[in-house]
């Protein structure tokens, strides 16, 4: 983390995370395609998520901005405009929720990240008429639950989260 302290993430850190996600999808899109079984096994989920992430990345590729709020908003806008297929639209909604959580912040804390993941999950679920478990929706929800649970375990949250991750996500 290159943020203000070792407990903060700034725009440079966010760019690095988005770059890592973009590269991972580029290298593993065929694996994700093979996992695709809902709503139809058309085998394009990985490709659509990669293309959406490429559009998101293109919004910040040349940016030197260190403000995480502005970069998250640019990523969300790029993902929305470049969303491909259902999985791309869902990914854009996850990024939109996170951007909303990070707005007006130059850097974020671990708690802000947990809130961002939760808002990303909530926004994505609200954007799907009939959410189905076992999809990217489940992945982001479990990631958010795990992050909140970890923060509670570390004493960073006063109360236990309302939902806890399943055993496999801990």
N, C-alpha and C. Protein backbone atom coordinates (compact mmCIF):
# COMPACT_ATOMS: atom_id res chain seq x y z
N UNK A 1 0.83 -1.18 0.00
CA UNK A 1 0.00 0.00 0.00
C UNK A 1 0.88 1.24 0.00
N UNK A 2 0.65 2.08 -0.93
CA UNK A 2 1.46 3.29 -1.01
C UNK A 2 0.69 4.51 -0.52
N UNK A 3 -0.46 4.30 0.10
CA UNK A 3 -1.32 5.38 0.56
C UNK A 3 -0.65 6.23 1.63
N UNK A 4 -1.47 7.07 2.29
CA UNK A 4 -0.98 8.01 3.29
C UNK A 4 -0.27 7.31 4.44
N UNK A 5 -0.69 6.14 4.79
CA UNK A 5 -0.02 5.32 5.79
C UNK A 5 -0.25 3.88 5.39
N UNK A 6 0.28 2.96 6.17
CA UNK A 6 0.10 1.57 5.78
C UNK A 6 -1.32 1.11 5.97
N UNK A 7 -2.19 1.95 6.54
CA UNK A 7 -3.57 1.60 6.76
C UNK A 7 -4.53 2.28 5.79
N UNK A 8 -4.01 2.92 4.79
CA UNK A 8 -4.84 3.61 3.81
C UNK A 8 -4.47 3.17 2.39
N UNK A 9 -5.47 3.18 1.52
CA UNK A 9 -5.25 2.96 0.09
C UNK A 9 -5.59 4.26 -0.62
N UNK A 10 -4.74 4.67 -1.55
CA UNK A 10 -5.04 5.87 -2.33
C UNK A 10 -5.29 5.48 -3.78
N UNK A 11 -5.36 6.46 -4.63
CA UNK A 11 -5.63 6.21 -6.04
C UNK A 11 -4.59 5.34 -6.72
N UNK A 12 -3.33 5.51 -6.36
CA UNK A 12 -2.28 4.67 -6.95
C UNK A 12 -2.49 3.20 -6.57
N UNK A 13 -2.88 2.97 -5.32
CA UNK A 13 -3.16 1.60 -4.88
C UNK A 13 -4.38 1.04 -5.62
N UNK A 14 -5.40 1.87 -5.77
CA UNK A 14 -6.61 1.46 -6.47
C UNK A 14 -6.29 1.12 -7.93
N UNK A 15 -5.47 1.95 -8.57
CA UNK A 15 -5.05 1.66 -9.95
C UNK A 15 -4.36 0.30 -10.02
N UNK A 16 -3.49 0.03 -9.06
CA UNK A 16 -2.77 -1.25 -9.03
C UNK A 16 -3.75 -2.42 -8.87
N UNK A 17 -4.76 -2.23 -8.03
CA UNK A 17 -5.75 -3.29 -7.85
C UNK A 17 -6.56 -3.51 -9.13
N UNK A 18 -6.95 -2.43 -9.78
CA UNK A 18 -7.72 -2.55 -11.03
C UNK A 18 -6.86 -3.20 -12.11
N UNK A 19 -5.60 -2.84 -12.18
CA UNK A 19 -4.68 -3.43 -13.16
C UNK A 19 -4.54 -4.93 -12.91
N UNK A 20 -4.39 -5.31 -11.65
CA UNK A 20 -4.27 -6.73 -11.31
C UNK A 20 -5.53 -7.49 -11.70
N UNK A 21 -6.69 -6.91 -11.45
CA UNK A 21 -7.95 -7.55 -11.83
C UNK A 21 -8.08 -7.68 -13.34
N UNK A 22 -7.68 -6.63 -14.04
CA UNK A 22 -7.72 -6.64 -15.51
C UNK A 22 -6.80 -7.74 -16.05
N UNK A 23 -5.57 -7.81 -15.54
CA UNK A 23 -4.63 -8.84 -16.01
C UNK A 23 -5.12 -10.24 -15.67
N UNK A 24 -5.68 -10.42 -14.47
CA UNK A 24 -6.18 -11.73 -14.08
C UNK A 24 -7.29 -12.17 -15.03
N UNK A 25 -8.22 -11.29 -15.32
CA UNK A 25 -9.31 -11.65 -16.24
C UNK A 25 -8.77 -11.93 -17.65
N UNK A 26 -7.78 -11.16 -18.07
CA UNK A 26 -7.20 -11.40 -19.39
C UNK A 26 -6.59 -12.80 -19.46
N UNK A 27 -5.90 -13.19 -18.41
CA UNK A 27 -5.21 -14.48 -18.40
C UNK A 27 -6.13 -15.66 -18.09
N UNK A 28 -7.26 -15.42 -17.44
CA UNK A 28 -8.12 -16.52 -16.99
C UNK A 28 -9.54 -16.47 -17.56
N UNK A 29 -9.77 -15.66 -18.59
CA UNK A 29 -11.14 -15.54 -19.11
C UNK A 29 -11.68 -16.87 -19.61
N UNK A 30 -10.84 -17.73 -20.18
CA UNK A 30 -11.32 -19.02 -20.66
C UNK A 30 -11.73 -19.94 -19.50
N UNK A 31 -11.02 -19.85 -18.39
CA UNK A 31 -11.40 -20.62 -17.20
C UNK A 31 -12.76 -20.17 -16.70
N UNK A 32 -12.96 -18.85 -16.63
CA UNK A 32 -14.26 -18.31 -16.20
C UNK A 32 -15.33 -18.69 -17.21
N UNK A 33 -15.01 -18.63 -18.50
CA UNK A 33 -15.98 -19.05 -19.52
C UNK A 33 -16.46 -20.48 -19.28
N UNK A 34 -15.54 -21.35 -18.91
CA UNK A 34 -15.88 -22.76 -18.68
C UNK A 34 -16.78 -22.94 -17.46
N UNK A 35 -16.72 -22.02 -16.51
CA UNK A 35 -17.56 -22.09 -15.31
C UNK A 35 -18.98 -21.63 -15.58
N UNK A 36 -19.17 -20.90 -16.65
CA UNK A 36 -20.44 -20.26 -16.97
C UNK A 36 -21.53 -21.30 -17.26
N UNK A 37 -22.54 -21.37 -16.37
CA UNK A 37 -23.67 -22.27 -16.60
C UNK A 37 -25.01 -21.57 -16.44
N UNK A 38 -25.04 -20.34 -15.94
CA UNK A 38 -26.30 -19.64 -15.72
C UNK A 38 -26.24 -18.26 -16.34
N UNK A 39 -27.29 -17.74 -16.92
CA UNK A 39 -28.58 -18.37 -17.12
C UNK A 39 -28.58 -19.41 -18.23
N UNK A 40 -27.61 -19.30 -19.12
CA UNK A 40 -27.41 -20.34 -20.14
C UNK A 40 -25.92 -20.59 -20.25
N UNK A 41 -25.53 -21.84 -20.53
CA UNK A 41 -24.09 -22.13 -20.63
C UNK A 41 -23.50 -21.67 -21.96
N UNK A 42 -23.48 -20.34 -22.16
CA UNK A 42 -22.99 -19.80 -23.43
C UNK A 42 -21.49 -19.57 -23.44
N UNK A 43 -20.84 -19.76 -22.30
CA UNK A 43 -19.39 -19.73 -22.26
C UNK A 43 -18.74 -18.40 -22.54
N UNK A 44 -19.42 -17.29 -22.22
CA UNK A 44 -18.82 -15.99 -22.51
C UNK A 44 -18.67 -15.08 -21.29
N UNK A 45 -18.94 -15.59 -20.11
CA UNK A 45 -18.87 -14.76 -18.90
C UNK A 45 -17.48 -14.18 -18.71
N UNK A 46 -16.45 -14.98 -18.82
CA UNK A 46 -15.08 -14.49 -18.65
C UNK A 46 -14.71 -13.46 -19.70
N UNK A 47 -15.09 -13.72 -20.93
CA UNK A 47 -14.80 -12.78 -22.01
C UNK A 47 -15.53 -11.46 -21.77
N UNK A 48 -16.81 -11.54 -21.39
CA UNK A 48 -17.58 -10.32 -21.15
C UNK A 48 -17.05 -9.53 -19.96
N UNK A 49 -16.64 -10.23 -18.92
CA UNK A 49 -16.08 -9.52 -17.77
C UNK A 49 -14.73 -8.88 -18.14
N UNK A 50 -13.93 -9.59 -18.91
CA UNK A 50 -12.65 -9.03 -19.35
C UNK A 50 -12.87 -7.78 -20.21
N UNK A 51 -13.78 -7.84 -21.17
CA UNK A 51 -14.03 -6.69 -22.03
C UNK A 51 -14.57 -5.50 -21.23
N UNK A 52 -15.40 -5.78 -20.25
CA UNK A 52 -15.91 -4.73 -19.38
C UNK A 52 -14.78 -4.12 -18.57
N UNK A 53 -13.93 -4.97 -18.02
CA UNK A 53 -12.80 -4.48 -17.22
C UNK A 53 -11.82 -3.70 -18.09
N UNK A 54 -11.66 -4.12 -19.34
CA UNK A 54 -10.78 -3.38 -20.25
C UNK A 54 -11.32 -1.97 -20.47
N UNK A 55 -12.64 -1.86 -20.64
CA UNK A 55 -13.25 -0.54 -20.81
C UNK A 55 -13.08 0.30 -19.54
N UNK A 56 -13.23 -0.34 -18.38
CA UNK A 56 -13.05 0.36 -17.11
C UNK A 56 -11.60 0.84 -16.98
N UNK A 57 -10.67 -0.05 -17.27
CA UNK A 57 -9.25 0.30 -17.16
C UNK A 57 -8.88 1.44 -18.09
N UNK A 58 -9.45 1.46 -19.27
CA UNK A 58 -9.09 2.51 -20.25
C UNK A 58 -9.42 3.90 -19.72
N UNK A 59 -10.34 4.00 -18.79
CA UNK A 59 -10.70 5.30 -18.22
C UNK A 59 -9.62 5.86 -17.30
N UNK A 60 -8.76 5.00 -16.76
CA UNK A 60 -7.74 5.47 -15.81
C UNK A 60 -6.32 5.12 -16.23
N UNK A 61 -6.18 4.46 -17.35
CA UNK A 61 -4.87 3.97 -17.80
C UNK A 61 -3.79 5.04 -17.77
N UNK A 62 -4.08 6.21 -18.30
CA UNK A 62 -3.06 7.25 -18.38
C UNK A 62 -3.14 8.25 -17.23
N UNK A 63 -4.05 8.04 -16.32
CA UNK A 63 -4.26 8.99 -15.23
C UNK A 63 -3.13 8.94 -14.20
N UNK A 64 -2.76 10.09 -13.72
CA UNK A 64 -1.80 10.21 -12.62
C UNK A 64 -2.51 10.63 -11.34
N UNK A 65 -3.84 10.69 -11.39
CA UNK A 65 -4.64 11.10 -10.24
C UNK A 65 -4.41 10.15 -9.07
N UNK A 66 -4.22 10.68 -7.89
CA UNK A 66 -4.02 9.85 -6.70
C UNK A 66 -5.27 9.81 -5.83
N UNK A 67 -6.37 10.43 -6.29
CA UNK A 67 -7.62 10.49 -5.54
C UNK A 67 -8.45 9.26 -5.84
N UNK A 68 -8.64 8.39 -4.85
CA UNK A 68 -9.34 7.13 -5.08
C UNK A 68 -10.80 7.36 -5.46
N UNK A 69 -11.43 8.37 -4.90
CA UNK A 69 -12.82 8.64 -5.23
C UNK A 69 -13.02 8.97 -6.70
N UNK A 70 -12.17 9.83 -7.23
CA UNK A 70 -12.30 10.20 -8.66
C UNK A 70 -11.95 9.02 -9.56
N UNK A 71 -10.93 8.25 -9.19
CA UNK A 71 -10.56 7.10 -10.01
C UNK A 71 -11.64 6.02 -9.98
N UNK A 72 -12.20 5.78 -8.82
CA UNK A 72 -13.27 4.77 -8.71
C UNK A 72 -14.47 5.19 -9.55
N UNK A 73 -14.78 6.47 -9.55
CA UNK A 73 -15.90 6.96 -10.38
C UNK A 73 -15.58 6.77 -11.86
N UNK A 74 -14.37 7.06 -12.28
CA UNK A 74 -13.99 6.88 -13.68
C UNK A 74 -14.05 5.41 -14.08
N UNK A 75 -13.58 4.52 -13.21
CA UNK A 75 -13.64 3.08 -13.48
C UNK A 75 -15.09 2.64 -13.63
N UNK A 76 -15.95 3.08 -12.72
CA UNK A 76 -17.37 2.70 -12.77
C UNK A 76 -18.02 3.20 -14.06
N UNK A 77 -17.70 4.42 -14.44
CA UNK A 77 -18.26 4.98 -15.68
C UNK A 77 -17.77 4.20 -16.90
N UNK A 78 -16.49 3.89 -16.93
CA UNK A 78 -15.95 3.11 -18.04
C UNK A 78 -16.57 1.73 -18.13
N UNK A 79 -16.76 1.09 -16.97
CA UNK A 79 -17.37 -0.24 -16.95
C UNK A 79 -18.82 -0.18 -17.42
N UNK A 80 -19.55 0.83 -16.98
CA UNK A 80 -20.94 0.97 -17.41
C UNK A 80 -21.04 1.17 -18.92
N UNK A 81 -20.22 2.05 -19.46
CA UNK A 81 -20.28 2.35 -20.89
C UNK A 81 -19.76 1.19 -21.74
N UNK A 82 -18.86 0.37 -21.17
CA UNK A 82 -18.29 -0.73 -21.94
C UNK A 82 -18.79 -2.10 -21.53
N UNK A 83 -19.84 -2.15 -20.70
CA UNK A 83 -20.34 -3.43 -20.19
C UNK A 83 -20.78 -4.34 -21.33
N UNK A 84 -20.38 -5.59 -21.23
CA UNK A 84 -20.75 -6.61 -22.22
C UNK A 84 -21.48 -7.73 -21.51
N UNK A 85 -22.63 -8.08 -22.00
CA UNK A 85 -23.38 -9.20 -21.46
C UNK A 85 -23.84 -8.96 -20.03
N UNK A 86 -24.59 -9.92 -19.51
CA UNK A 86 -25.09 -9.82 -18.13
C UNK A 86 -23.95 -9.70 -17.13
N UNK A 87 -22.91 -10.50 -17.30
CA UNK A 87 -21.81 -10.48 -16.33
C UNK A 87 -21.09 -9.14 -16.36
N UNK A 88 -20.96 -8.52 -17.50
CA UNK A 88 -20.34 -7.20 -17.58
C UNK A 88 -21.18 -6.13 -16.92
N UNK A 89 -22.49 -6.22 -17.10
CA UNK A 89 -23.38 -5.26 -16.46
C UNK A 89 -23.30 -5.43 -14.94
N UNK A 90 -23.30 -6.67 -14.47
CA UNK A 90 -23.19 -6.92 -13.03
C UNK A 90 -21.85 -6.39 -12.50
N UNK A 91 -20.77 -6.65 -13.21
CA UNK A 91 -19.47 -6.12 -12.80
C UNK A 91 -19.50 -4.60 -12.74
N UNK A 92 -20.13 -3.96 -13.71
CA UNK A 92 -20.21 -2.50 -13.70
C UNK A 92 -21.00 -2.00 -12.50
N UNK A 93 -22.00 -2.75 -12.08
CA UNK A 93 -22.79 -2.36 -10.91
C UNK A 93 -21.99 -2.54 -9.61
N UNK A 94 -21.19 -3.57 -9.55
CA UNK A 94 -20.30 -3.75 -8.40
C UNK A 94 -19.36 -2.54 -8.29
N UNK A 95 -18.75 -2.18 -9.41
CA UNK A 95 -17.83 -1.04 -9.42
C UNK A 95 -18.56 0.27 -9.13
N UNK A 96 -19.80 0.38 -9.58
CA UNK A 96 -20.60 1.57 -9.30
C UNK A 96 -20.85 1.72 -7.80
N UNK A 97 -21.23 0.62 -7.15
CA UNK A 97 -21.46 0.66 -5.71
C UNK A 97 -20.21 1.02 -4.94
N UNK A 98 -19.08 0.45 -5.36
CA UNK A 98 -17.82 0.77 -4.71
C UNK A 98 -17.47 2.25 -4.91
N UNK A 99 -17.67 2.76 -6.10
CA UNK A 99 -17.37 4.17 -6.38
C UNK A 99 -18.22 5.08 -5.51
N UNK A 100 -19.47 4.69 -5.32
CA UNK A 100 -20.35 5.49 -4.46
C UNK A 100 -19.80 5.53 -3.03
N UNK A 101 -19.32 4.40 -2.55
CA UNK A 101 -18.75 4.34 -1.19
C UNK A 101 -17.47 5.15 -1.07
N UNK A 102 -16.72 5.28 -2.15
CA UNK A 102 -15.43 5.98 -2.11
C UNK A 102 -15.52 7.45 -2.53
N UNK A 103 -16.71 7.91 -2.91
CA UNK A 103 -16.84 9.30 -3.40
C UNK A 103 -16.35 10.28 -2.34
N UNK A 104 -15.76 11.34 -2.80
CA UNK A 104 -15.24 12.42 -1.94
C UNK A 104 -14.14 11.95 -0.99
N UNK A 105 -13.46 10.85 -1.32
CA UNK A 105 -12.35 10.37 -0.50
C UNK A 105 -11.08 10.35 -1.34
N UNK A 106 -10.01 10.89 -0.81
CA UNK A 106 -8.75 10.84 -1.53
C UNK A 106 -8.04 9.51 -1.27
N UNK A 107 -8.33 8.92 -0.11
CA UNK A 107 -7.81 7.60 0.24
C UNK A 107 -8.88 6.91 1.08
N UNK A 108 -8.72 5.60 1.24
CA UNK A 108 -9.71 4.84 2.02
C UNK A 108 -9.01 3.99 3.08
N UNK A 109 -9.76 3.67 4.11
CA UNK A 109 -9.30 2.79 5.17
C UNK A 109 -9.79 1.37 4.90
N UNK A 110 -9.39 0.45 5.74
CA UNK A 110 -9.88 -0.92 5.64
C UNK A 110 -11.39 -0.96 5.80
N UNK A 111 -11.91 -0.14 6.70
CA UNK A 111 -13.36 -0.09 6.89
C UNK A 111 -14.05 0.44 5.64
N UNK A 112 -13.48 1.48 5.02
CA UNK A 112 -14.05 2.01 3.77
C UNK A 112 -14.07 0.93 2.68
N UNK A 113 -13.02 0.13 2.61
CA UNK A 113 -12.97 -0.94 1.62
C UNK A 113 -14.08 -1.95 1.88
N UNK A 114 -14.28 -2.31 3.14
CA UNK A 114 -15.34 -3.25 3.49
C UNK A 114 -16.71 -2.68 3.11
N UNK A 115 -16.92 -1.40 3.41
CA UNK A 115 -18.17 -0.75 3.05
C UNK A 115 -18.33 -0.71 1.53
N UNK A 116 -17.24 -0.44 0.82
CA UNK A 116 -17.28 -0.42 -0.64
C UNK A 116 -17.66 -1.76 -1.23
N UNK A 117 -17.08 -2.83 -0.69
CA UNK A 117 -17.45 -4.17 -1.16
C UNK A 117 -18.91 -4.45 -0.89
N UNK A 118 -19.38 -4.07 0.30
CA UNK A 118 -20.80 -4.27 0.65
C UNK A 118 -21.69 -3.48 -0.30
N UNK A 119 -21.36 -2.20 -0.54
CA UNK A 119 -22.18 -1.38 -1.44
C UNK A 119 -22.12 -1.92 -2.87
N UNK A 120 -20.97 -2.42 -3.27
CA UNK A 120 -20.87 -3.03 -4.59
C UNK A 120 -21.78 -4.24 -4.70
N UNK A 121 -21.78 -5.07 -3.69
CA UNK A 121 -22.64 -6.24 -3.66
C UNK A 121 -24.11 -5.84 -3.67
N UNK A 122 -24.48 -4.92 -2.80
CA UNK A 122 -25.88 -4.49 -2.71
C UNK A 122 -26.35 -3.87 -4.03
N UNK A 123 -25.52 -3.05 -4.63
CA UNK A 123 -25.89 -2.41 -5.90
C UNK A 123 -26.08 -3.45 -7.00
N UNK A 124 -25.20 -4.42 -7.05
CA UNK A 124 -25.31 -5.47 -8.07
C UNK A 124 -26.56 -6.32 -7.86
N UNK A 125 -26.84 -6.70 -6.64
CA UNK A 125 -28.05 -7.50 -6.37
C UNK A 125 -29.30 -6.73 -6.75
N UNK A 126 -29.34 -5.42 -6.45
CA UNK A 126 -30.51 -4.60 -6.78
C UNK A 126 -30.68 -4.46 -8.29
N UNK A 127 -29.59 -4.59 -9.03
CA UNK A 127 -29.64 -4.42 -10.48
C UNK A 127 -30.08 -5.66 -11.24
N UNK A 128 -30.31 -6.77 -10.53
CA UNK A 128 -30.71 -8.02 -11.17
C UNK A 128 -32.13 -8.35 -10.73
N UNK A 129 -33.01 -8.58 -11.70
CA UNK A 129 -34.42 -8.83 -11.39
C UNK A 129 -34.59 -10.09 -10.53
N UNK A 130 -33.96 -11.18 -10.93
CA UNK A 130 -34.03 -12.43 -10.18
C UNK A 130 -32.62 -12.91 -9.88
N UNK A 131 -32.01 -12.40 -8.78
CA UNK A 131 -30.65 -12.82 -8.45
C UNK A 131 -30.58 -14.33 -8.21
N UNK A 132 -29.52 -14.93 -8.72
CA UNK A 132 -29.31 -16.37 -8.57
C UNK A 132 -27.97 -16.59 -7.88
N UNK A 133 -27.98 -17.42 -6.85
CA UNK A 133 -26.75 -17.73 -6.15
C UNK A 133 -25.89 -18.66 -7.02
N UNK A 134 -24.59 -18.64 -6.75
CA UNK A 134 -23.65 -19.43 -7.53
C UNK A 134 -23.10 -18.66 -8.72
N UNK A 135 -23.32 -17.35 -8.72
CA UNK A 135 -22.85 -16.49 -9.81
C UNK A 135 -21.87 -15.46 -9.23
N UNK A 136 -21.49 -14.49 -10.04
CA UNK A 136 -20.61 -13.42 -9.57
C UNK A 136 -21.26 -12.66 -8.42
N UNK A 137 -22.59 -12.66 -8.35
CA UNK A 137 -23.28 -12.03 -7.23
C UNK A 137 -22.88 -12.69 -5.91
N UNK A 138 -22.82 -14.01 -5.92
CA UNK A 138 -22.41 -14.73 -4.71
C UNK A 138 -20.97 -14.41 -4.36
N UNK A 139 -20.13 -14.34 -5.35
CA UNK A 139 -18.70 -14.07 -5.11
C UNK A 139 -18.53 -12.71 -4.42
N UNK A 140 -19.17 -11.67 -4.93
CA UNK A 140 -18.99 -10.35 -4.32
C UNK A 140 -19.65 -10.30 -2.95
N UNK A 141 -20.80 -10.95 -2.76
CA UNK A 141 -21.44 -10.95 -1.45
C UNK A 141 -20.57 -11.66 -0.42
N UNK A 142 -20.01 -12.80 -0.80
CA UNK A 142 -19.14 -13.54 0.12
C UNK A 142 -17.86 -12.77 0.41
N UNK A 143 -17.32 -12.07 -0.58
CA UNK A 143 -16.12 -11.26 -0.34
C UNK A 143 -16.43 -10.14 0.65
N UNK A 144 -17.58 -9.49 0.47
CA UNK A 144 -17.98 -8.42 1.39
C UNK A 144 -18.20 -8.98 2.79
N UNK A 145 -18.90 -10.10 2.89
CA UNK A 145 -19.15 -10.72 4.20
C UNK A 145 -17.83 -11.09 4.88
N UNK A 146 -16.92 -11.68 4.12
CA UNK A 146 -15.63 -12.10 4.69
C UNK A 146 -14.84 -10.90 5.18
N UNK A 147 -14.84 -9.82 4.43
CA UNK A 147 -14.11 -8.61 4.82
C UNK A 147 -14.69 -8.02 6.10
N UNK A 148 -16.02 -7.93 6.18
CA UNK A 148 -16.66 -7.39 7.37
C UNK A 148 -16.40 -8.30 8.58
N UNK A 149 -16.47 -9.61 8.38
CA UNK A 149 -16.24 -10.56 9.46
C UNK A 149 -14.80 -10.45 9.97
N UNK A 150 -13.85 -10.35 9.07
CA UNK A 150 -12.45 -10.20 9.46
C UNK A 150 -12.24 -8.93 10.27
N UNK A 151 -12.85 -7.85 9.82
CA UNK A 151 -12.70 -6.59 10.56
C UNK A 151 -13.27 -6.72 11.96
N UNK A 152 -14.40 -7.41 12.10
CA UNK A 152 -14.98 -7.63 13.42
C UNK A 152 -14.04 -8.48 14.27
N UNK A 153 -13.49 -9.55 13.69
CA UNK A 153 -12.57 -10.41 14.43
C UNK A 153 -11.34 -9.64 14.90
N UNK A 154 -10.89 -8.68 14.12
CA UNK A 154 -9.71 -7.89 14.47
C UNK A 154 -10.03 -6.73 15.41
N UNK A 155 -11.30 -6.61 15.79
CA UNK A 155 -11.71 -5.55 16.69
C UNK A 155 -11.89 -4.21 16.02
N UNK A 156 -12.00 -4.20 14.70
CA UNK A 156 -12.15 -2.95 13.96
C UNK A 156 -13.61 -2.54 13.82
N UNK A 157 -14.53 -3.45 14.14
CA UNK A 157 -15.96 -3.16 14.14
C UNK A 157 -16.50 -3.51 15.52
N UNK A 158 -17.35 -2.66 16.09
CA UNK A 158 -17.85 -2.91 17.44
C UNK A 158 -18.81 -4.09 17.54
N UNK A 159 -19.60 -4.32 16.51
CA UNK A 159 -20.60 -5.38 16.53
C UNK A 159 -20.34 -6.38 15.42
N UNK A 160 -20.73 -7.61 15.67
CA UNK A 160 -20.59 -8.65 14.64
C UNK A 160 -21.44 -8.26 13.44
N UNK A 161 -20.95 -8.53 12.23
CA UNK A 161 -21.72 -8.23 11.03
C UNK A 161 -23.02 -9.04 11.02
N UNK A 162 -24.05 -8.48 10.36
CA UNK A 162 -25.34 -9.15 10.29
C UNK A 162 -25.24 -10.49 9.55
N UNK A 163 -24.37 -10.55 8.56
CA UNK A 163 -24.17 -11.80 7.83
C UNK A 163 -22.71 -12.18 7.94
N UNK A 164 -22.47 -13.47 7.96
CA UNK A 164 -21.11 -13.97 8.04
C UNK A 164 -20.85 -14.84 6.82
N UNK A 165 -19.59 -14.90 6.41
CA UNK A 165 -19.27 -15.69 5.21
C UNK A 165 -19.52 -17.18 5.47
N UNK A 166 -19.76 -17.90 4.39
CA UNK A 166 -19.89 -19.34 4.52
C UNK A 166 -18.53 -19.91 4.88
N UNK A 167 -18.51 -21.13 5.34
CA UNK A 167 -17.26 -21.75 5.82
C UNK A 167 -16.16 -21.71 4.77
N UNK A 168 -16.51 -21.88 3.50
CA UNK A 168 -15.51 -21.91 2.44
C UNK A 168 -14.87 -20.55 2.18
N UNK A 169 -15.53 -19.47 2.57
CA UNK A 169 -15.01 -18.14 2.29
C UNK A 169 -14.13 -17.60 3.40
N UNK A 170 -14.10 -18.27 4.54
CA UNK A 170 -13.33 -17.73 5.68
C UNK A 170 -11.86 -17.96 5.53
